[in-house]
C-alpha cells in the first residue's frame, strides 16, 4: 500500500540527514523529490544507505560519472 507524500520540509530534512546534496538540485529535480510518496522516499533512503555502506567503491565511480545520483 502506498502512503501519501510527506510534508515538503520533512522530505527535505530526511534527505539532507541522509547526506543527499540538495543544494546541487535545480527546482525541477527538487520537485521530483518532494512529490515522492512515503514508500518511494523510504526506498530512496534505503538505496542511499546501501550506497553509503560501500562508499569507497561508489566515490571512485562518482568522480568519473560526476555524482549524478547523490
N, C-alpha and C. Protein backbone atom coordinates (compact mmCIF):
# COMPACT_ATOMS: atom_id res chain seq x y z
N UNK A 1 0.84 -1.17 0.00
CA UNK A 1 0.00 0.00 0.00
C UNK A 1 0.90 1.25 0.00
N UNK A 2 0.60 2.18 -0.88
CA UNK A 2 1.39 3.40 -0.97
C UNK A 2 0.84 4.44 -0.02
N UNK A 3 1.72 5.06 0.73
CA UNK A 3 1.33 6.10 1.66
C UNK A 3 1.41 7.45 0.98
N UNK A 4 0.64 8.43 1.42
CA UNK A 4 0.67 9.76 0.81
C UNK A 4 2.02 10.43 1.03
N UNK A 5 2.33 11.43 0.21
CA UNK A 5 3.61 12.14 0.37
C UNK A 5 3.71 12.82 1.73
N UNK A 6 4.92 12.98 2.20
CA UNK A 6 5.17 13.70 3.45
C UNK A 6 5.14 15.19 3.17
N UNK A 7 5.14 15.96 4.24
CA UNK A 7 5.24 17.41 4.11
C UNK A 7 6.59 17.76 3.49
N UNK A 8 6.65 18.78 2.63
CA UNK A 8 7.91 19.13 1.96
C UNK A 8 9.10 19.31 2.90
N UNK A 9 8.89 19.98 4.01
CA UNK A 9 10.01 20.20 4.94
C UNK A 9 10.52 18.88 5.49
N UNK A 10 9.63 17.94 5.74
CA UNK A 10 10.02 16.64 6.26
C UNK A 10 10.82 15.83 5.23
N UNK A 11 10.38 15.90 3.98
CA UNK A 11 11.09 15.20 2.91
C UNK A 11 12.51 15.74 2.79
N UNK A 12 12.62 17.05 2.70
CA UNK A 12 13.93 17.67 2.54
C UNK A 12 14.83 17.40 3.74
N UNK A 13 14.26 17.43 4.93
CA UNK A 13 15.04 17.17 6.14
C UNK A 13 15.56 15.74 6.15
N UNK A 14 14.72 14.78 5.80
CA UNK A 14 15.14 13.38 5.78
C UNK A 14 16.22 13.14 4.73
N UNK A 15 16.07 13.76 3.58
CA UNK A 15 17.08 13.61 2.53
C UNK A 15 18.41 14.25 2.94
N UNK A 16 18.33 15.44 3.51
CA UNK A 16 19.54 16.13 3.96
C UNK A 16 20.24 15.33 5.06
N UNK A 17 19.46 14.79 5.98
CA UNK A 17 20.02 13.99 7.07
C UNK A 17 20.73 12.75 6.53
N UNK A 18 20.23 12.23 5.41
CA UNK A 18 20.84 11.05 4.79
C UNK A 18 22.07 11.40 3.96
N UNK A 19 22.33 12.70 3.81
CA UNK A 19 23.52 13.12 3.09
C UNK A 19 23.30 13.45 1.63
N UNK A 20 22.04 13.56 1.22
CA UNK A 20 21.75 13.93 -0.17
C UNK A 20 22.05 15.42 -0.33
N UNK A 21 22.84 15.76 -1.33
CA UNK A 21 23.24 17.15 -1.58
C UNK A 21 22.12 17.91 -2.29
N UNK A 22 21.22 18.48 -1.54
CA UNK A 22 20.05 19.14 -2.09
C UNK A 22 20.39 20.45 -2.79
N UNK A 23 21.46 21.11 -2.36
CA UNK A 23 21.79 22.39 -2.94
C UNK A 23 22.30 22.27 -4.38
N UNK A 24 22.59 21.07 -4.83
CA UNK A 24 23.04 20.85 -6.20
C UNK A 24 21.87 20.65 -7.16
N UNK A 25 20.67 20.53 -6.62
CA UNK A 25 19.49 20.24 -7.45
C UNK A 25 18.87 21.52 -8.00
N UNK A 26 18.35 21.42 -9.21
CA UNK A 26 17.57 22.55 -9.72
C UNK A 26 16.13 22.41 -9.21
N UNK A 27 15.31 23.39 -9.49
CA UNK A 27 13.94 23.40 -8.95
C UNK A 27 13.13 22.19 -9.41
N UNK A 28 13.29 21.78 -10.66
CA UNK A 28 12.53 20.64 -11.17
C UNK A 28 12.95 19.34 -10.48
N UNK A 29 14.25 19.17 -10.27
CA UNK A 29 14.74 17.98 -9.59
C UNK A 29 14.27 17.95 -8.14
N UNK A 30 14.29 19.10 -7.49
CA UNK A 30 13.82 19.19 -6.11
C UNK A 30 12.34 18.83 -6.04
N UNK A 31 11.56 19.27 -7.02
CA UNK A 31 10.13 18.98 -7.02
C UNK A 31 9.87 17.49 -7.18
N UNK A 32 10.68 16.82 -8.00
CA UNK A 32 10.53 15.37 -8.15
C UNK A 32 10.68 14.70 -6.79
N UNK A 33 11.68 15.12 -6.02
CA UNK A 33 11.88 14.53 -4.68
C UNK A 33 10.72 14.87 -3.75
N UNK A 34 10.22 16.08 -3.84
CA UNK A 34 9.10 16.48 -2.99
C UNK A 34 7.82 15.73 -3.32
N UNK A 35 7.69 15.26 -4.55
CA UNK A 35 6.49 14.54 -4.98
C UNK A 35 6.54 13.05 -4.69
N UNK A 36 7.64 12.56 -4.13
CA UNK A 36 7.74 11.14 -3.81
C UNK A 36 6.72 10.76 -2.74
N UNK A 37 6.17 9.57 -2.88
CA UNK A 37 5.31 9.04 -1.81
C UNK A 37 6.23 8.65 -0.65
N UNK A 38 5.65 8.37 0.49
CA UNK A 38 6.43 7.93 1.64
C UNK A 38 7.18 6.64 1.35
N UNK A 39 6.52 5.74 0.61
CA UNK A 39 7.17 4.48 0.24
C UNK A 39 8.34 4.72 -0.70
N UNK A 40 8.17 5.61 -1.66
CA UNK A 40 9.26 5.92 -2.58
C UNK A 40 10.43 6.57 -1.85
N UNK A 41 10.12 7.47 -0.93
CA UNK A 41 11.16 8.13 -0.15
C UNK A 41 11.91 7.10 0.69
N UNK A 42 11.19 6.19 1.31
CA UNK A 42 11.84 5.15 2.12
C UNK A 42 12.76 4.29 1.26
N UNK A 43 12.31 3.95 0.04
CA UNK A 43 13.15 3.16 -0.86
C UNK A 43 14.40 3.94 -1.26
N UNK A 44 14.24 5.20 -1.61
CA UNK A 44 15.38 6.03 -1.99
C UNK A 44 16.39 6.13 -0.86
N UNK A 45 15.90 6.34 0.35
CA UNK A 45 16.79 6.44 1.51
C UNK A 45 17.47 5.11 1.81
N UNK A 46 16.78 4.02 1.58
CA UNK A 46 17.37 2.70 1.78
C UNK A 46 18.49 2.46 0.76
N UNK A 47 18.25 2.82 -0.47
CA UNK A 47 19.28 2.67 -1.50
C UNK A 47 20.47 3.57 -1.19
N UNK A 48 20.21 4.80 -0.76
CA UNK A 48 21.28 5.73 -0.40
C UNK A 48 22.12 5.14 0.74
N UNK A 49 21.49 4.55 1.74
CA UNK A 49 22.21 3.96 2.86
C UNK A 49 23.08 2.81 2.39
N UNK A 50 22.57 2.00 1.48
CA UNK A 50 23.35 0.88 0.96
C UNK A 50 24.53 1.38 0.15
N UNK A 51 24.34 2.44 -0.62
CA UNK A 51 25.45 3.03 -1.37
C UNK A 51 26.50 3.58 -0.43
N UNK A 52 26.05 4.21 0.66
CA UNK A 52 26.99 4.76 1.64
C UNK A 52 27.82 3.67 2.30
N UNK A 53 27.24 2.47 2.45
CA UNK A 53 27.96 1.36 3.07
C UNK A 53 29.17 0.94 2.24
N UNK A 54 29.09 1.16 0.94
CA UNK A 54 30.20 0.80 0.04
C UNK A 54 30.83 2.05 -0.53
N UNK A 55 30.78 3.13 0.23
CA UNK A 55 31.16 4.44 -0.27
C UNK A 55 32.52 4.53 -0.94
N UNK A 56 33.57 3.86 -0.48
CA UNK A 56 34.84 3.98 -1.22
C UNK A 56 34.70 3.53 -2.68
N UNK A 57 33.95 2.45 -2.92
CA UNK A 57 33.74 1.99 -4.29
C UNK A 57 32.89 2.98 -5.08
N UNK A 58 31.85 3.48 -4.46
CA UNK A 58 30.94 4.39 -5.14
C UNK A 58 31.62 5.73 -5.40
N UNK A 59 32.42 6.22 -4.46
CA UNK A 59 33.09 7.50 -4.63
C UNK A 59 33.97 7.52 -5.87
N UNK A 60 34.66 6.43 -6.13
CA UNK A 60 35.52 6.38 -7.31
C UNK A 60 34.69 6.52 -8.57
N UNK A 61 33.52 5.89 -8.59
CA UNK A 61 32.65 6.00 -9.75
C UNK A 61 32.04 7.39 -9.87
N UNK A 62 31.72 8.01 -8.74
CA UNK A 62 31.08 9.32 -8.80
C UNK A 62 32.04 10.37 -9.34
N UNK A 63 33.33 10.19 -9.10
CA UNK A 63 34.29 11.14 -9.65
C UNK A 63 34.33 11.03 -11.16
N UNK A 64 34.13 9.83 -11.68
CA UNK A 64 34.12 9.63 -13.13
C UNK A 64 32.79 10.05 -13.71
N UNK A 65 31.68 9.66 -13.07
CA UNK A 65 30.34 9.93 -13.60
C UNK A 65 29.80 11.27 -13.17
N UNK A 66 30.48 11.97 -12.33
CA UNK A 66 30.02 13.28 -11.90
C UNK A 66 29.04 13.24 -10.77
N UNK A 67 28.90 12.12 -10.09
CA UNK A 67 28.00 12.05 -8.94
C UNK A 67 26.56 12.31 -9.32
N UNK A 68 26.10 11.76 -10.43
CA UNK A 68 24.78 12.06 -10.95
C UNK A 68 23.64 11.66 -10.02
N UNK A 69 23.83 10.64 -9.20
CA UNK A 69 22.72 10.20 -8.34
C UNK A 69 22.71 10.92 -7.01
N UNK A 70 23.82 10.96 -6.30
CA UNK A 70 23.85 11.59 -4.99
C UNK A 70 25.08 12.42 -4.88
